[in-house]
Amino acid sequence: MQTELPPNLNIPEGVGPHEGHEYELMVSGQKRVALFSDYVPIEFSFNPAAIALGHICHEAALRTIFYLPGHEQEARELLDLSLRPQLGIDEEIETRIGDILGYRSADIQTYLLHARRLLNEEGGR
């Protein structure tokens, strides 16, 4: 059963969802790095397609990153970026994270617009 997220947490329309599709995107080569917090999808544990995957775990921050061969440096950069404390949204960091995670530029811009709107709504309360 899928639970509906509160509207402000939903993926904004216009952003290609990766959540729940990371493994298949990596198998097809459309995604080179995947980041998980709190849990790792079972397909990454069993790797049914037997794709070559590297991984980095940061247990204290509950982060696990999987990456395809040749993308370890991006995976390490992603870990570093994801651990940086942020107040509000740093568009440069969010853009780089989106790029590493394989989102299209248009998706990243849509996400940033959504984040700006959320911040404006929160600031107006």
PDB file of N, CA and C in Angstrom:
ATOM      1  N   MET A   1       0.839  -1.181   0.000  1.00  0.00           N
ATOM      2  CA  MET A   1       0.000   0.000   0.000  1.00  0.00           C
ATOM      3  C   MET A   1       0.883   1.243   0.000  1.00  0.00           C
ATOM      4  N   GLN A   2       0.622   2.147  -0.928  1.00  0.00           N
ATOM      5  CA  GLN A   2       1.423   3.356  -1.026  1.00  0.00           C
ATOM      6  C   GLN A   2       0.753   4.469  -0.243  1.00  0.00           C
ATOM      7  N   THR A   3       1.533   5.136   0.592  1.00  0.00           N
ATOM      8  CA  THR A   3       1.023   6.230   1.383  1.00  0.00           C
ATOM      9  C   THR A   3       1.282   7.531   0.656  1.00  0.00           C
ATOM     10  N   GLU A   4       0.279   8.383   0.601  1.00  0.00           N
ATOM     11  CA  GLU A   4       0.428   9.679  -0.054  1.00  0.00           C
ATOM     12  C   GLU A   4       1.254  10.586   0.847  1.00  0.00           C
ATOM     13  N   LEU A   5       2.257  11.191   0.257  1.00  0.00           N
ATOM     14  CA  LEU A   5       3.083  12.135   1.003  1.00  0.00           C
ATOM     15  C   LEU A   5       2.342  13.449   1.159  1.00  0.00           C
ATOM     16  N   PRO A   6       2.652  14.206   2.196  1.00  0.00           N
ATOM     17  CA  PRO A   6       2.075  15.549   2.286  1.00  0.00           C
ATOM     18  C   PRO A   6       2.422  16.308   1.012  1.00  0.00           C
ATOM     19  N   PRO A   7       1.536  17.185   0.522  1.00  0.00           N
ATOM     20  CA  PRO A   7       1.758  17.851  -0.757  1.00  0.00           C
ATOM     21  C   PRO A   7       3.120  18.527  -0.888  1.00  0.00           C
ATOM     22  N   ASN A   8       3.633  19.118   0.170  1.00  0.00           N
ATOM     23  CA  ASN A   8       4.904  19.821   0.055  1.00  0.00           C
ATOM     24  C   ASN A   8       6.100  18.878  -0.048  1.00  0.00           C
ATOM     25  N   LEU A   9       5.910  17.559   0.183  1.00  0.00           N
ATOM     26  CA  LEU A   9       7.005  16.612   0.068  1.00  0.00           C
ATOM     27  C   LEU A   9       6.941  15.795  -1.216  1.00  0.00           C
ATOM     28  N   ASN A  10       5.832  15.882  -1.952  1.00  0.00           N
ATOM     29  CA  ASN A  10       5.711  15.142  -3.194  1.00  0.00           C
ATOM     30  C   ASN A  10       6.742  15.623  -4.196  1.00  0.00           C
ATOM     31  N   ILE A  11       7.138  14.721  -5.079  1.00  0.00           N
ATOM     32  CA  ILE A  11       8.018  15.101  -6.176  1.00  0.00           C
ATOM     33  C   ILE A  11       7.213  16.029  -7.065  1.00  0.00           C
ATOM     34  N   PRO A  12       7.734  17.210  -7.373  1.00  0.00           N
ATOM     35  CA  PRO A  12       6.954  18.145  -8.185  1.00  0.00           C
ATOM     36  C   PRO A  12       6.725  17.605  -9.587  1.00  0.00           C
ATOM     37  N   GLU A  13       5.582  17.934 -10.157  1.00  0.00           N
ATOM     38  CA  GLU A  13       5.280  17.531 -11.525  1.00  0.00           C
ATOM     39  C   GLU A  13       6.358  18.079 -12.450  1.00  0.00           C
ATOM     40  N   GLY A  14       6.803  17.267 -13.364  1.00  0.00           N
ATOM     41  CA  GLY A  14       7.862  17.683 -14.283  1.00  0.00           C
ATOM     42  C   GLY A  14       9.219  17.127 -13.914  1.00  0.00           C
ATOM     43  N   VAL A  15       9.309  16.458 -12.765  1.00  0.00           N
ATOM     44  CA  VAL A  15      10.573  15.848 -12.365  1.00  0.00           C
ATOM     45  C   VAL A  15      10.425  14.341 -12.522  1.00  0.00           C
ATOM     46  N   GLY A  16      11.283  13.763 -13.357  1.00  0.00           N
ATOM     47  CA  GLY A  16      11.239  12.318 -13.572  1.00  0.00           C
ATOM     48  C   GLY A  16      11.560  11.593 -12.285  1.00  0.00           C
ATOM     49  N   PRO A  17      10.604  10.841 -11.716  1.00  0.00           N
ATOM     50  CA  PRO A  17      10.867  10.180 -10.440  1.00  0.00           C
ATOM     51  C   PRO A  17      11.871   9.045 -10.591  1.00  0.00           C
ATOM     52  N   HIS A  18      12.825   9.004  -9.699  1.00  0.00           N
ATOM     53  CA  HIS A  18      13.786   7.917  -9.631  1.00  0.00           C
ATOM     54  C   HIS A  18      13.462   7.007  -8.469  1.00  0.00           C
ATOM     55  N   GLU A  19      12.787   7.533  -7.457  1.00  0.00           N
ATOM     56  CA  GLU A  19      12.548   6.771  -6.236  1.00  0.00           C
ATOM     57  C   GLU A  19      11.786   5.488  -6.540  1.00  0.00           C
ATOM     58  N   GLY A  20      12.367   4.377  -6.125  1.00  0.00           N
ATOM     59  CA  GLY A  20      11.785   3.077  -6.392  1.00  0.00           C
ATOM     60  C   GLY A  20      12.201   2.495  -7.733  1.00  0.00           C
ATOM     61  N   HIS A  21      12.922   3.272  -8.527  1.00  0.00           N
ATOM     62  CA  HIS A  21      13.350   2.831  -9.858  1.00  0.00           C
ATOM     63  C   HIS A  21      14.867   2.873 -10.019  1.00  0.00           C
ATOM     64  N   GLU A  22      15.582   3.144  -8.941  1.00  0.00           N
ATOM     65  CA  GLU A  22      17.026   3.345  -9.039  1.00  0.00           C
ATOM     66  C   GLU A  22      17.741   2.143  -9.658  1.00  0.00           C
ATOM     67  N   TYR A  23      17.397   0.956  -9.197  1.00  0.00           N
ATOM     68  CA  TYR A  23      18.112  -0.224  -9.669  1.00  0.00           C
ATOM     69  C   TYR A  23      17.915  -0.423 -11.166  1.00  0.00           C
ATOM     70  N   GLU A  24      16.670  -0.365 -11.610  1.00  0.00           N
ATOM     71  CA  GLU A  24      16.425  -0.558 -13.043  1.00  0.00           C
ATOM     72  C   GLU A  24      17.093   0.536 -13.874  1.00  0.00           C
ATOM     73  N   LEU A  25      17.154   1.753 -13.354  1.00  0.00           N
ATOM     74  CA  LEU A  25      17.846   2.830 -14.068  1.00  0.00           C
ATOM     75  C   LEU A  25      19.349   2.569 -14.126  1.00  0.00           C
ATOM     76  N   MET A  26      19.897   1.996 -13.069  1.00  0.00           N
ATOM     77  CA  MET A  26      21.326   1.671 -13.072  1.00  0.00           C
ATOM     78  C   MET A  26      21.606   0.493 -14.005  1.00  0.00           C
ATOM     79  N   VAL A  27      20.735  -0.491 -14.031  1.00  0.00           N
ATOM     80  CA  VAL A  27      20.909  -1.624 -14.941  1.00  0.00           C
ATOM     81  C   VAL A  27      20.924  -1.131 -16.386  1.00  0.00           C
ATOM     82  N   SER A  28      20.051  -0.174 -16.701  1.00  0.00           N
ATOM     83  CA  SER A  28      19.966   0.331 -18.077  1.00  0.00           C
ATOM     84  C   SER A  28      21.055   1.364 -18.389  1.00  0.00           C
ATOM     85  N   GLY A  29      21.823   1.776 -17.348  1.00  0.00           N
ATOM     86  CA  GLY A  29      22.878   2.764 -17.559  1.00  0.00           C
ATOM     87  C   GLY A  29      22.393   4.199 -17.553  1.00  0.00           C
ATOM     88  N   GLN A  30      21.109   4.414 -17.255  1.00  0.00           N
ATOM     89  CA  GLN A  30      20.566   5.773 -17.216  1.00  0.00           C
ATOM     90  C   GLN A  30      20.896   6.498 -15.921  1.00  0.00           C
ATOM     91  N   LYS A  31      21.315   5.754 -14.922  1.00  0.00           N
ATOM     92  CA  LYS A  31      21.681   6.327 -13.617  1.00  0.00           C
ATOM     93  C   LYS A  31      23.006   5.707 -13.229  1.00  0.00           C
ATOM     94  N   ARG A  32      23.958   6.539 -12.808  1.00  0.00           N
ATOM     95  CA  ARG A  32      25.291   6.024 -12.484  1.00  0.00           C
ATOM     96  C   ARG A  32      25.556   5.969 -10.990  1.00  0.00           C
ATOM     97  N   VAL A  33      24.771   6.735 -10.211  1.00  0.00           N
ATOM     98  CA  VAL A  33      24.955   6.799  -8.755  1.00  0.00           C
ATOM     99  C   VAL A  33      23.579   6.861  -8.103  1.00  0.00           C
ATOM    100  N   ALA A  34      23.400   6.126  -7.013  1.00  0.00           N
ATOM    101  CA  ALA A  34      22.137   6.149  -6.260  1.00  0.00           C
ATOM    102  C   ALA A  34      22.450   6.348  -4.778  1.00  0.00           C
ATOM    103  N   LEU A  35      21.671   7.190  -4.130  1.00  0.00           N
ATOM    104  CA  LEU A  35      21.844   7.511  -2.719  1.00  0.00           C
ATOM    105  C   LEU A  35      20.622   7.051  -1.942  1.00  0.00           C
ATOM    106  N   PHE A  36      20.866   6.389  -0.800  1.00  0.00           N
ATOM    107  CA  PHE A  36      19.777   5.948   0.063  1.00  0.00           C
ATOM    108  C   PHE A  36      20.062   6.388   1.490  1.00  0.00           C
ATOM    109  N   SER A  37      19.009   6.789   2.166  1.00  0.00           N
ATOM    110  CA  SER A  37      19.073   7.119   3.586  1.00  0.00           C
ATOM    111  C   SER A  37      18.143   6.169   4.316  1.00  0.00           C
ATOM    112  N   ASP A  38      18.562   5.668   5.431  1.00  0.00           N
ATOM    113  CA  ASP A  38      17.755   4.821   6.307  1.00  0.00           C
ATOM    114  C   ASP A  38      17.607   3.375   5.853  1.00  0.00           C
ATOM    115  N   TYR A  39      17.524   3.119   4.551  1.00  0.00           N
ATOM    116  CA  TYR A  39      17.332   1.741   4.092  1.00  0.00           C
ATOM    117  C   TYR A  39      17.954   1.579   2.707  1.00  0.00           C
ATOM    118  N   VAL A  40      18.179   0.323   2.337  1.00  0.00           N
ATOM    119  CA  VAL A  40      18.676   0.003   0.995  1.00  0.00           C
ATOM    120  C   VAL A  40      17.658  -0.934   0.363  1.00  0.00           C
ATOM    121  N   PRO A  41      17.155  -0.598  -0.833  1.00  0.00           N
ATOM    122  CA  PRO A  41      16.199  -1.489  -1.497  1.00  0.00           C
ATOM    123  C   PRO A  41      16.792  -2.886  -1.688  1.00  0.00           C
ATOM    124  N   ILE A  42      15.957  -3.892  -1.576  1.00  0.00           N
ATOM    125  CA  ILE A  42      16.403  -5.279  -1.592  1.00  0.00           C
ATOM    126  C   ILE A  42      17.136  -5.651  -2.883  1.00  0.00           C
ATOM    127  N   GLU A  43      16.742  -5.054  -4.000  1.00  0.00           N
ATOM    128  CA  GLU A  43      17.397  -5.413  -5.261  1.00  0.00           C
ATOM    129  C   GLU A  43      18.883  -5.039  -5.263  1.00  0.00           C
ATOM    130  N   PHE A  44      19.257  -4.037  -4.475  1.00  0.00           N
ATOM    131  CA  PHE A  44      20.672  -3.686  -4.380  1.00  0.00           C
ATOM    132  C   PHE A  44      21.421  -4.718  -3.538  1.00  0.00           C
ATOM    133  N   SER A  45      20.746  -5.330  -2.595  1.00  0.00           N
ATOM    134  CA  SER A  45      21.373  -6.367  -1.777  1.00  0.00           C
ATOM    135  C   SER A  45      21.573  -7.660  -2.555  1.00  0.00           C
ATOM    136  N   PHE A  46      20.560  -8.024  -3.350  1.00  0.00           N
ATOM    137  CA  PHE A  46      20.626  -9.276  -4.098  1.00  0.00           C
ATOM    138  C   PHE A  46      21.198  -9.117  -5.499  1.00  0.00           C
ATOM    139  N   ASN A  47      21.098  -7.910  -6.065  1.00  0.00           N
ATOM    140  CA  ASN A  47      21.654  -7.583  -7.381  1.00  0.00           C
ATOM    141  C   ASN A  47      21.305  -8.654  -8.424  1.00  0.00           C
ATOM    142  N   PRO A  48      20.013  -8.835  -8.715  1.00  0.00           N
ATOM    143  CA  PRO A  48      19.590  -9.914  -9.609  1.00  0.00           C
ATOM    144  C   PRO A  48      20.152  -9.806 -11.034  1.00  0.00           C
ATOM    145  N   ALA A  49      20.459  -8.624 -11.505  1.00  0.00           N
ATOM    146  CA  ALA A  49      21.022  -8.472 -12.851  1.00  0.00           C
ATOM    147  C   ALA A  49      22.541  -8.635 -12.843  1.00  0.00           C
ATOM    148  N   ALA A  50      23.119  -8.823 -11.658  1.00  0.00           N
ATOM    149  CA  ALA A  50      24.566  -9.012 -11.490  1.00  0.00           C
ATOM    150  C   ALA A  50      25.379  -7.902 -12.140  1.00  0.00           C
ATOM    151  N   ILE A  51      24.910  -6.651 -11.980  1.00  0.00           N
ATOM    152  CA  ILE A  51      25.682  -5.527 -12.506  1.00  0.00           C
ATOM    153  C   ILE A  51      26.834  -5.218 -11.553  1.00  0.00           C
ATOM    154  N   ALA A  52      27.908  -4.691 -12.099  1.00  0.00           N
ATOM    155  CA  ALA A  52      29.046  -4.311 -11.266  1.00  0.00           C
ATOM    156  C   ALA A  52      28.658  -3.060 -10.483  1.00  0.00           C
ATOM    157  N   LEU A  53      28.649  -3.162  -9.180  1.00  0.00           N
ATOM    158  CA  LEU A  53      28.279  -2.036  -8.314  1.00  0.00           C
ATOM    159  C   LEU A  53      29.325  -1.852  -7.233  1.00  0.00           C
ATOM    160  N   GLY A  54      29.757  -0.623  -7.059  1.00  0.00           N
ATOM    161  CA  GLY A  54      30.539  -0.274  -5.893  1.00  0.00           C
ATOM    162  C   GLY A  54      29.600   0.359  -4.890  1.00  0.00           C
ATOM    163  N   HIS A  55      30.004   0.433  -3.651  1.00  0.00           N
ATOM    164  CA  HIS A  55      29.158   1.118  -2.679  1.00  0.00           C
ATOM    165  C   HIS A  55      29.992   1.754  -1.580  1.00  0.00           C
ATOM    166  N   ILE A  56      29.415   2.779  -1.003  1.00  0.00           N
ATOM    167  CA  ILE A  56      30.003   3.514   0.115  1.00  0.00           C
ATOM    168  C   ILE A  56      28.929   3.584   1.193  1.00  0.00           C
ATOM    169  N   CYS A  57      29.293   3.249   2.420  1.00  0.00           N
ATOM    170  CA  CYS A  57      28.361   3.350   3.545  1.00  0.00           C
ATOM    171  C   CYS A  57      28.882   4.379   4.539  1.00  0.00           C
ATOM    172  N   HIS A  58      27.999   5.211   5.016  1.00  0.00           N
ATOM    173  CA  HIS A  58      28.309   6.128   6.103  1.00  0.00           C
ATOM    174  C   HIS A  58      27.269   5.831   7.176  1.00  0.00           C
ATOM    175  N   GLU A  59      27.623   4.927   8.093  1.00  0.00           N
ATOM    176  CA  GLU A  59      26.660   4.419   9.059  1.00  0.00           C
ATOM    177  C   GLU A  59      26.133   5.497   9.996  1.00  0.00           C
ATOM    178  N   ALA A  60      26.984   6.415  10.416  1.00  0.00           N
ATOM    179  CA  ALA A  60      26.546   7.445  11.362  1.00  0.00           C
ATOM    180  C   ALA A  60      25.466   8.332  10.755  1.00  0.00           C
ATOM    181  N   ALA A  61      25.557   8.584   9.469  1.00  0.00           N
ATOM    182  CA  ALA A  61      24.579   9.447   8.805  1.00  0.00           C
ATOM    183  C   ALA A  61      23.488   8.635   8.102  1.00  0.00           C
ATOM    184  N   LEU A  62      23.541   7.311   8.247  1.00  0.00           N
ATOM    185  CA  LEU A  62      22.559   6.429   7.605  1.00  0.00           C
ATOM    186  C   LEU A  62      22.480   6.668   6.103  1.00  0.00           C
ATOM    187  N   ARG A  63      23.632   6.742   5.463  1.00  0.00           N
ATOM    188  CA  ARG A  63      23.686   6.953   4.015  1.00  0.00           C
ATOM    189  C   ARG A  63      24.414   5.775   3.362  1.00  0.00           C
ATOM    190  N   THR A  64      23.851   5.278   2.273  1.00  0.00           N
ATOM    191  CA  THR A  64      24.510   4.271   1.450  1.00  0.00           C
ATOM    192  C   THR A  64      24.421   4.738   0.010  1.00  0.00           C
ATOM    193  N   ILE A  65      25.539   4.695  -0.663  1.00  0.00           N
ATOM    194  CA  ILE A  65      25.601   5.126  -2.056  1.00  0.00           C
ATOM    195  C   ILE A  65      26.116   3.963  -2.890  1.00  0.00           C
ATOM    196  N   PHE A  66      25.415   3.671  -3.965  1.00  0.00           N
ATOM    197  CA  PHE A  66      25.848   2.674  -4.934  1.00  0.00           C
ATOM    198  C   PHE A  66      26.266   3.403  -6.198  1.00  0.00           C
ATOM    199  N   TYR A  67      27.256   2.854  -6.883  1.00  0.00           N
ATOM    200  CA  TYR A  67      27.721   3.514  -8.103  1.00  0.00           C
ATOM    201  C   TYR A  67      28.212   2.480  -9.109  1.00  0.00           C
ATOM    202  N   LEU A  68      28.108   2.854 -10.361  1.00  0.00           N
ATOM    203  CA  LEU A  68      28.603   2.024 -11.448  1.00  0.00           C
ATOM    204  C   LEU A  68      30.104   2.222 -11.596  1.00  0.00           C
ATOM    205  N   PRO A  69      30.797   1.269 -12.212  1.00  0.00           N
ATOM    206  CA  PRO A  69      32.244   1.412 -12.412  1.00  0.00           C
ATOM    207  C   PRO A  69      32.576   2.737 -13.109  1.00  0.00           C
ATOM    208  N   GLY A  70      33.641   3.363 -12.615  1.00  0.00           N
ATOM    209  CA  GLY A  70      34.073   4.629 -13.171  1.00  0.00           C
ATOM    210  C   GLY A  70      33.431   5.849 -12.542  1.00  0.00           C
ATOM    211  N   HIS A  71      32.551   5.635 -11.549  1.00  0.00           N
ATOM    212  CA  HIS A  71      31.830   6.757 -10.939  1.00  0.00           C
ATOM    213  C   HIS A  71      32.037   6.852  -9.428  1.00  0.00           C
ATOM    214  N   GLU A  72      33.117   6.255  -8.934  1.00  0.00           N
ATOM    215  CA  GLU A  72      33.386   6.315  -7.496  1.00  0.00           C
ATOM    216  C   GLU A  72      33.643   7.753  -7.040  1.00  0.00           C
ATOM    217  N   GLN A  73      34.346   8.529  -7.836  1.00  0.00           N
ATOM    218  CA  GLN A  73      34.638   9.912  -7.440  1.00  0.00           C
ATOM    219  C   GLN A  73      33.348  10.716  -7.290  1.00  0.00           C
ATOM    220  N   GLU A  74      32.407  10.529  -8.214  1.00  0.00           N
ATOM    221  CA  GLU A  74      31.110  11.206  -8.093  1.00  0.00           C
ATOM    222  C   GLU A  74      30.370  10.733  -6.846  1.00  0.00           C
ATOM    223  N   ALA A  75      30.444   9.445  -6.550  1.00  0.00           N
ATOM    224  CA  ALA A  75      29.779   8.903  -5.366  1.00  0.00           C
ATOM    225  C   ALA A  75      30.362   9.525  -4.097  1.00  0.00           C
ATOM    226  N   ARG A  76      31.670   9.649  -4.044  1.00  0.00           N
ATOM    227  CA  ARG A  76      32.315  10.266  -2.870  1.00  0.00           C
ATOM    228  C   ARG A  76      31.955  11.744  -2.754  1.00  0.00           C
ATOM    229  N   GLU A  77      31.889  12.432  -3.899  1.00  0.00           N
ATOM    230  CA  GLU A  77      31.477  13.836  -3.896  1.00  0.00           C
ATOM    231  C   GLU A  77      30.038  13.953  -3.397  1.00  0.00           C
ATOM    232  N   LEU A  78      29.170  13.041  -3.844  1.00  0.00           N
ATOM    233  CA  LEU A  78      27.781  13.052  -3.404  1.00  0.00           C
ATOM    234  C   LEU A  78      27.681  12.865  -1.893  1.00  0.00           C
ATOM    235  N   LEU A  79      28.454  11.939  -1.357  1.00  0.00           N
ATOM    236  CA  LEU A  79      28.443  11.742   0.085  1.00  0.00           C
ATOM    237  C   LEU A  79      28.848  13.024   0.796  1.00  0.00           C
ATOM    238  N   ASP A  80      29.914  13.641   0.335  1.00  0.00           N
ATOM    239  CA  ASP A  80      30.374  14.889   0.931  1.00  0.00           C
ATOM    240  C   ASP A  80      29.288  15.968   0.861  1.00  0.00           C
ATOM    241  N   LEU A  81      28.671  16.127  -0.300  1.00  0.00           N
ATOM    242  CA  LEU A  81      27.630  17.147  -0.460  1.00  0.00           C
ATOM    243  C   LEU A  81      26.419  16.860   0.417  1.00  0.00           C
ATOM    244  N   SER A  82      26.052  15.578   0.530  1.00  0.00           N
ATOM    245  CA  SER A  82      24.862  15.224   1.306  1.00  0.00           C
ATOM    246  C   SER A  82      25.074  15.380   2.806  1.00  0.00           C
ATOM    247  N   LEU A  83      26.325  15.425   3.240  1.00  0.00           N
ATOM    248  CA  LEU A  83      26.609  15.570   4.671  1.00  0.00           C
ATOM    249  C   LEU A  83      26.818  17.021   5.095  1.00  0.00           C
ATOM    250  N   ARG A  84      26.882  17.930   4.138  1.00  0.00           N
ATOM    251  CA  ARG A  84      27.079  19.340   4.485  1.00  0.00           C
ATOM    252  C   ARG A  84      25.823  19.913   5.120  1.00  0.00           C
ATOM    253  N   PRO A  85      25.984  20.594   6.234  1.00  0.00           N
ATOM    254  CA  PRO A  85      24.804  21.226   6.848  1.00  0.00           C
ATOM    255  C   PRO A  85      24.324  22.378   5.965  1.00  0.00           C
ATOM    256  N   GLN A  86      23.017  22.486   5.825  1.00  0.00           N
ATOM    257  CA  GLN A  86      22.447  23.549   5.007  1.00  0.00           C
ATOM    258  C   GLN A  86      21.332  24.246   5.751  1.00  0.00           C
ATOM    259  N   LEU A  87      21.282  25.528   5.614  1.00  0.00           N
ATOM    260  CA  LEU A  87      20.141  26.316   6.056  1.00  0.00           C
ATOM    261  C   LEU A  87      19.454  26.771   4.777  1.00  0.00           C
ATOM    262  N   GLY A  88      18.218  26.399   4.619  1.00  0.00           N
ATOM    263  CA  GLY A  88      17.536  26.721   3.370  1.00  0.00           C
ATOM    264  C   GLY A  88      18.038  25.810   2.271  1.00  0.00           C
ATOM    265  N   ILE A  89      18.130  26.358   1.073  1.00  0.00           N
ATOM    266  CA  ILE A  89      18.556  25.559  -0.073  1.00  0.00           C
ATOM    267  C   ILE A  89      19.744  26.239  -0.743  1.00  0.00           C
ATOM    268  N   ASP A  90      20.774  25.472  -0.971  1.00  0.00           N
ATOM    269  CA  ASP A  90      21.943  25.962  -1.705  1.00  0.00           C
ATOM    270  C   ASP A  90      21.786  25.430  -3.124  1.00  0.00           C
ATOM    271  N   GLU A  91      21.397  26.283  -4.043  1.00  0.00           N
ATOM    272  CA  GLU A  91      21.063  25.837  -5.390  1.00  0.00           C
ATOM    273  C   GLU A  91      22.252  25.219  -6.112  1.00  0.00           C
ATOM    274  N   GLU A  92      23.443  25.685  -5.833  1.00  0.00           N
ATOM    275  CA  GLU A  92      24.629  25.103  -6.473  1.00  0.00           C
ATOM    276  C   GLU A  92      24.823  23.649  -6.008  1.00  0.00           C
ATOM    277  N   ILE A  93      24.692  23.429  -4.705  1.00  0.00           N
ATOM    278  CA  ILE A  93      24.830  22.078  -4.164  1.00  0.00           C
ATOM    279  C   ILE A  93      23.701  21.183  -4.669  1.00  0.00           C
ATOM    280  N   GLU A  94      22.469  21.667  -4.625  1.00  0.00           N
ATOM    281  CA  GLU A  94      21.325  20.866  -5.074  1.00  0.00           C
ATOM    282  C   GLU A  94      21.430  20.523  -6.559  1.00  0.00           C
ATOM    283  N   THR A  95      21.927  21.463  -7.350  1.00  0.00           N
ATOM    284  CA  THR A  95      22.112  21.212  -8.784  1.00  0.00           C
ATOM    285  C   THR A  95      23.151  20.123  -8.996  1.00  0.00           C
ATOM    286  N   ARG A  96      24.254  20.196  -8.267  1.00  0.00           N
ATOM    287  CA  ARG A  96      25.299  19.187  -8.411  1.00  0.00           C
ATOM    288  C   ARG A  96      24.801  17.815  -7.952  1.00  0.00           C
ATOM    289  N   ILE A  97      24.076  17.776  -6.838  1.00  0.00           N
ATOM    290  CA  ILE A  97      23.514  16.512  -6.358  1.00  0.00           C
ATOM    291  C   ILE A  97      22.584  15.920  -7.419  1.00  0.00           C
ATOM    292  N   GLY A  98      21.705  16.736  -7.976  1.00  0.00           N
ATOM    293  CA  GLY A  98      20.796  16.262  -9.014  1.00  0.00           C
ATOM    294  C   GLY A  98      21.533  15.724 -10.222  1.00  0.00           C
ATOM    295  N   ASP A  99      22.602  16.408 -10.604  1.00  0.00           N
ATOM    296  CA  ASP A  99      23.404  15.966 -11.746  1.00  0.00           C
ATOM    297  C   ASP A  99      24.050  14.609 -11.457  1.00  0.00           C
ATOM    298  N   ILE A 100      24.656  14.474 -10.293  1.00  0.00           N
ATOM    299  CA  ILE A 100      25.299  13.208  -9.931  1.00  0.00           C
ATOM    300  C   ILE A 100      24.275  12.071  -9.911  1.00  0.00           C
ATOM    301  N   LEU A 101      23.067  12.363  -9.438  1.00  0.00           N
ATOM    302  CA  LEU A 101      22.033  11.341  -9.342  1.00  0.00           C
ATOM    303  C   LEU A 101      21.359  11.046 -10.682  1.00  0.00           C
ATOM    304  N   GLY A 102      21.760  11.754 -11.715  1.00  0.00           N
ATOM    305  CA  GLY A 102      21.271  11.430 -13.056  1.00  0.00           C
ATOM    306  C   GLY A 102      19.991  12.112 -13.482  1.00  0.00           C
ATOM    307  N   TYR A 103      19.590  13.145 -12.760  1.00  0.00           N
ATOM    308  CA  TYR A 103      18.400  13.877 -13.173  1.00  0.00           C
ATOM    309  C   TYR A 103      18.727  14.791 -14.343  1.00  0.00           C
ATOM    310  N   ARG A 104      17.755  14.965 -15.222  1.00  0.00           N
ATOM    311  CA  ARG A 104      17.921  15.888 -16.351  1.00  0.00           C
ATOM    312  C   ARG A 104      17.960  17.318 -15.826  1.00  0.00           C
ATOM    313  N   SER A 105      18.613  18.186 -16.573  1.00  0.00           N
ATOM    314  CA  SER A 105      18.733  19.591 -16.186  1.00  0.00           C
ATOM    315  C   SER A 105      17.354  20.218 -15.953  1.00  0.00           C
ATOM    316  N   ALA A 106      16.406  19.912 -16.841  1.00  0.00           N
ATOM    317  CA  ALA A 106      15.054  20.463 -16.696  1.00  0.00           C
ATOM    318  C   ALA A 106      14.410  19.976 -15.397  1.00  0.00           C
ATOM    319  N   ASP A 107      14.651  18.711 -15.016  1.00  0.00           N
ATOM    320  CA  ASP A 107      14.125  18.177 -13.759  1.00  0.00           C
ATOM    321  C   ASP A 107      14.716  18.910 -12.563  1.00  0.00           C
ATOM    322  N   ILE A 108      16.004  19.164 -12.637  1.00  0.00           N
ATOM    323  CA  ILE A 108      16.685  19.864 -11.540  1.00  0.00           C
ATOM    324  C   ILE A 108      16.117  21.272 -11.388  1.00  0.00           C
ATOM    325  N   GLN A 109      15.924  21.960 -12.498  1.00  0.00           N
ATOM    326  CA  GLN A 109      15.374  23.316 -12.436  1.00  0.00           C
ATOM    327  C   GLN A 109      13.952  23.317 -11.887  1.00  0.00           C
ATOM    328  N   THR A 110      13.162  22.325 -12.260  1.00  0.00           N
ATOM    329  CA  THR A 110      11.794  22.208 -11.727  1.00  0.00           C
ATOM    330  C   THR A 110      11.834  21.966 -10.223  1.00  0.00           C
ATOM    331  N   TYR A 111      12.745  21.105  -9.783  1.00  0.00           N
ATOM    332  CA  TYR A 111      12.900  20.831  -8.351  1.00  0.00           C
ATOM    333  C   TYR A 111      13.300  22.105  -7.601  1.00  0.00           C
ATOM    334  N   LEU A 112      14.249  22.856  -8.153  1.00  0.00           N
ATOM    335  CA  LEU A 112      14.694  24.087  -7.486  1.00  0.00           C
ATOM    336  C   LEU A 112      13.557  25.101  -7.389  1.00  0.00           C
ATOM    337  N   LEU A 113      12.753  25.205  -8.427  1.00  0.00           N
ATOM    338  CA  LEU A 113      11.606  26.108  -8.392  1.00  0.00           C
ATOM    339  C   LEU A 113      10.632  25.668  -7.297  1.00  0.00           C
ATOM    340  N   HIS A 114      10.383  24.368  -7.211  1.00  0.00           N
ATOM    341  CA  HIS A 114       9.514  23.809  -6.173  1.00  0.00           C
ATOM    342  C   HIS A 114      10.081  24.122  -4.780  1.00  0.00           C
ATOM    343  N   ALA A 115      11.389  23.933  -4.604  1.00  0.00           N
ATOM    344  CA  ALA A 115      12.024  24.195  -3.302  1.00  0.00           C
ATOM    345  C   ALA A 115      11.924  25.673  -2.939  1.00  0.00           C
ATOM    346  N   ARG A 116      12.130  26.553  -3.924  1.00  0.00           N
ATOM    347  CA  ARG A 116      12.010  27.999  -3.656  1.00  0.00           C
ATOM    348  C   ARG A 116      10.598  28.337  -3.200  1.00  0.00           C
ATOM    349  N   ARG A 117       9.616  27.761  -3.877  1.00  0.00           N
ATOM    350  CA  ARG A 117       8.211  28.018  -3.491  1.00  0.00           C
ATOM    351  C   ARG A 117       7.948  27.558  -2.068  1.00  0.00           C
ATOM    352  N   LEU A 118       8.445  26.366  -1.718  1.00  0.00           N
ATOM    353  CA  LEU A 118       8.271  25.858  -0.354  1.00  0.00           C
ATOM    354  C   LEU A 118       8.904  26.782   0.675  1.00  0.00           C
ATOM    355  N   LEU A 119      10.102  27.252   0.374  1.00  0.00           N
ATOM    356  CA  LEU A 119      10.787  28.161   1.299  1.00  0.00           C
ATOM    357  C   LEU A 119      10.016  29.454   1.451  1.00  0.00           C
ATOM    358  N   ASN A 120       9.465  29.968   0.359  1.00  0.00           N
ATOM    359  CA  ASN A 120       8.670  31.193   0.432  1.00  0.00           C
ATOM    360  C   ASN A 120       7.409  30.980   1.249  1.00  0.00           C
ATOM    361  N   GLU A 121       6.764  29.815   1.079  1.00  0.00           N
ATOM    362  CA  GLU A 121       5.568  29.499   1.876  1.00  0.00           C
ATOM    363  C   GLU A 121       5.910  29.389   3.348  1.00  0.00           C
ATOM    364  N   GLU A 122       6.997  28.716   3.665  1.00  0.00           N
ATOM    365  CA  GLU A 122       7.412  28.554   5.063  1.00  0.00           C
ATOM    366  C   GLU A 122       7.798  29.899   5.666  1.00  0.00           C
ATOM    367  N   GLY A 123       8.460  30.732   4.883  1.00  0.00           N
ATOM    368  CA  GLY A 123       8.885  32.044   5.374  1.00  0.00           C
ATOM    369  C   GLY A 123       7.732  32.989   5.610  1.00  0.00           C
ATOM    370  N   GLY A 124       6.611  32.744   4.890  1.00  0.00           N
ATOM    371  CA  GLY A 124       5.460  33.622   5.022  1.00  0.00           C
ATOM    372  C   GLY A 124       4.547  33.249   6.152  1.00  0.00           C
ATOM    373  N   ARG A 125       4.858  32.199   6.882  1.00  0.00           N
ATOM    374  CA  ARG A 125       3.979  31.760   7.977  1.00  0.00           C
ATOM    375  C   ARG A 125       4.322  32.444   9.261  1.00  0.00           C
TER     376      ARG A 125
END
